[in-house]
Amino acid sequence: MEFALVFGGRCEVNVESPGGFYSAGTVRYFAKPLLSRGVEVYAASFANAVPVAEFALAQILLTNKGYFRLSQAYTAGRDAAQGCGNFGATVALLGAGEIGSALIERLRP
């Protein structure tokens, strides 16, 4: 069995090493030629979805509360009105893959 490694988008195939192939994201752009050569491909995009969705949720909540604007105003010595909060806020998402779907679950009231 061949073993493949990807570093910075560059795929290297070593015909001498036994094993499989691991990916931290989508494999659709490079998996087909590897699969046709008998290389086992394991996608782990779901493994990172939860922490990324949690981080995105935190940024959304902080932004709607005006945290970043208030933080900059405070640092600059200016007074600023507080943000309006999150109740009833509308959030637009582009895409609903692993991360987007996990974020949608966390955005529900």
Protein backbone atom coordinates (compact mmCIF):
# COMPACT_ATOMS: atom_id res chain seq x y z
CA MET A 1 0.00 0.00 0.00
CA GLU A 2 1.22 3.50 -0.77
CA PHE A 3 1.37 6.26 1.80
CA ALA A 4 0.70 9.91 0.97
CA LEU A 5 1.45 13.09 2.89
CA VAL A 6 0.20 16.59 2.20
CA PHE A 7 2.15 19.63 3.37
CA GLY A 8 0.90 23.08 2.45
CA GLY A 9 -1.21 21.77 -0.42
CA ARG A 10 1.67 19.78 -1.98
CA CYS A 11 1.00 16.05 -2.15
CA GLU A 12 3.89 13.61 -1.88
CA VAL A 13 3.40 9.88 -2.48
CA ASN A 14 5.94 7.42 -1.07
CA VAL A 15 5.58 3.97 -2.62
CA GLU A 16 7.78 2.29 0.01
CA SER A 17 5.84 3.21 3.17
CA PRO A 18 2.82 1.22 4.32
CA GLY A 19 -0.10 3.07 5.86
CA GLY A 20 -2.87 5.48 5.07
CA PHE A 21 -3.48 9.12 4.37
CA TYR A 22 -4.95 11.66 6.78
CA SER A 23 -6.47 14.99 5.89
CA ALA A 24 -7.58 17.81 8.17
CA GLY A 25 -10.14 19.06 5.66
CA THR A 26 -11.78 18.18 2.41
CA VAL A 27 -10.03 15.63 0.25
CA ARG A 28 -12.14 16.11 -2.89
CA TYR A 29 -9.43 18.09 -4.73
CA PHE A 30 -6.74 15.46 -4.58
CA ALA A 31 -8.22 12.14 -3.40
CA LYS A 32 -9.30 10.67 -6.76
CA PRO A 33 -5.80 9.96 -8.14
CA LEU A 34 -4.70 8.61 -4.77
CA LEU A 35 -7.71 6.31 -4.48
CA SER A 36 -7.13 5.01 -8.01
CA ARG A 37 -3.60 4.00 -6.92
CA GLY A 38 -4.92 2.11 -3.89
CA VAL A 39 -3.99 4.74 -1.30
CA GLU A 40 -6.41 4.74 1.63
CA VAL A 41 -7.81 8.21 2.29
CA TYR A 42 -9.31 9.24 5.63
CA ALA A 43 -11.05 12.62 5.84
CA ALA A 44 -11.27 14.24 9.26
CA SER A 45 -13.01 17.51 8.38
CA PHE A 46 -15.64 16.86 11.06
CA ALA A 47 -13.00 16.77 13.82
CA ASN A 48 -12.32 20.48 13.54
CA ALA A 49 -15.93 21.58 12.93
CA VAL A 50 -16.99 21.86 16.58
CA PRO A 51 -14.13 24.07 17.85
CA VAL A 52 -14.32 26.30 14.76
CA ALA A 53 -18.11 26.62 15.11
CA GLU A 54 -17.70 27.47 18.81
CA PHE A 55 -15.11 30.13 17.96
CA ALA A 56 -17.39 31.57 15.25
CA LEU A 57 -20.31 31.63 17.70
CA ALA A 58 -18.19 33.49 20.26
CA GLN A 59 -17.22 36.09 17.64
CA ILE A 60 -20.87 36.55 16.62
CA LEU A 61 -22.03 36.98 20.22
CA LEU A 62 -19.23 39.43 21.04
CA THR A 63 -19.79 41.43 17.85
CA ASN A 64 -23.54 41.78 18.46
CA LYS A 65 -22.82 43.04 21.97
CA GLY A 66 -20.45 45.64 20.54
CA TYR A 67 -17.41 44.18 22.32
CA PHE A 68 -14.82 44.99 19.66
CA ARG A 69 -16.08 48.53 19.05
CA LEU A 70 -16.29 49.20 22.79
CA SER A 71 -12.83 47.74 23.35
CA GLN A 72 -11.32 50.04 20.71
CA ALA A 73 -13.17 53.06 22.10
CA TYR A 74 -12.01 52.29 25.64
CA THR A 75 -8.39 51.84 24.51
CA ALA A 76 -8.56 55.17 22.65
CA GLY A 77 -10.09 56.92 25.67
CA ARG A 78 -13.44 57.53 23.93
CA ASP A 79 -16.92 56.91 25.26
CA ALA A 80 -19.12 54.58 23.20
CA ALA A 81 -22.69 53.36 23.42
CA GLN A 82 -23.13 49.71 24.31
CA GLY A 83 -24.14 47.18 21.65
CA CYS A 84 -27.72 46.04 21.32
CA GLY A 85 -27.11 42.39 22.20
CA ASN A 86 -28.10 39.12 20.60
CA PHE A 87 -31.81 38.67 21.33
CA GLY A 88 -33.66 38.67 18.01
CA ALA A 89 -30.46 39.25 16.02
CA THR A 90 -30.28 37.93 12.46
CA VAL A 91 -27.16 36.05 11.40
CA ALA A 92 -26.36 35.22 7.77
CA LEU A 93 -24.20 32.19 7.01
CA LEU A 94 -22.60 31.37 3.69
CA GLY A 95 -22.49 27.60 3.40
CA ALA A 96 -23.68 24.82 5.65
CA GLY A 97 -20.96 22.20 5.54
CA GLU A 98 -19.56 20.61 8.69
CA ILE A 99 -18.69 23.95 10.32
CA GLY A 100 -21.78 25.83 9.13
CA SER A 101 -24.09 23.05 10.30
CA ALA A 102 -22.43 22.94 13.72
CA LEU A 103 -22.76 26.74 13.96
CA ILE A 104 -26.44 26.63 12.99
CA GLU A 105 -27.06 24.18 15.87
CA ARG A 106 -25.35 26.54 18.30
CA LEU A 107 -27.17 29.63 17.06
CA ARG A 108 -30.62 28.20 17.76
CA PRO A 109 -32.36 29.78 20.80
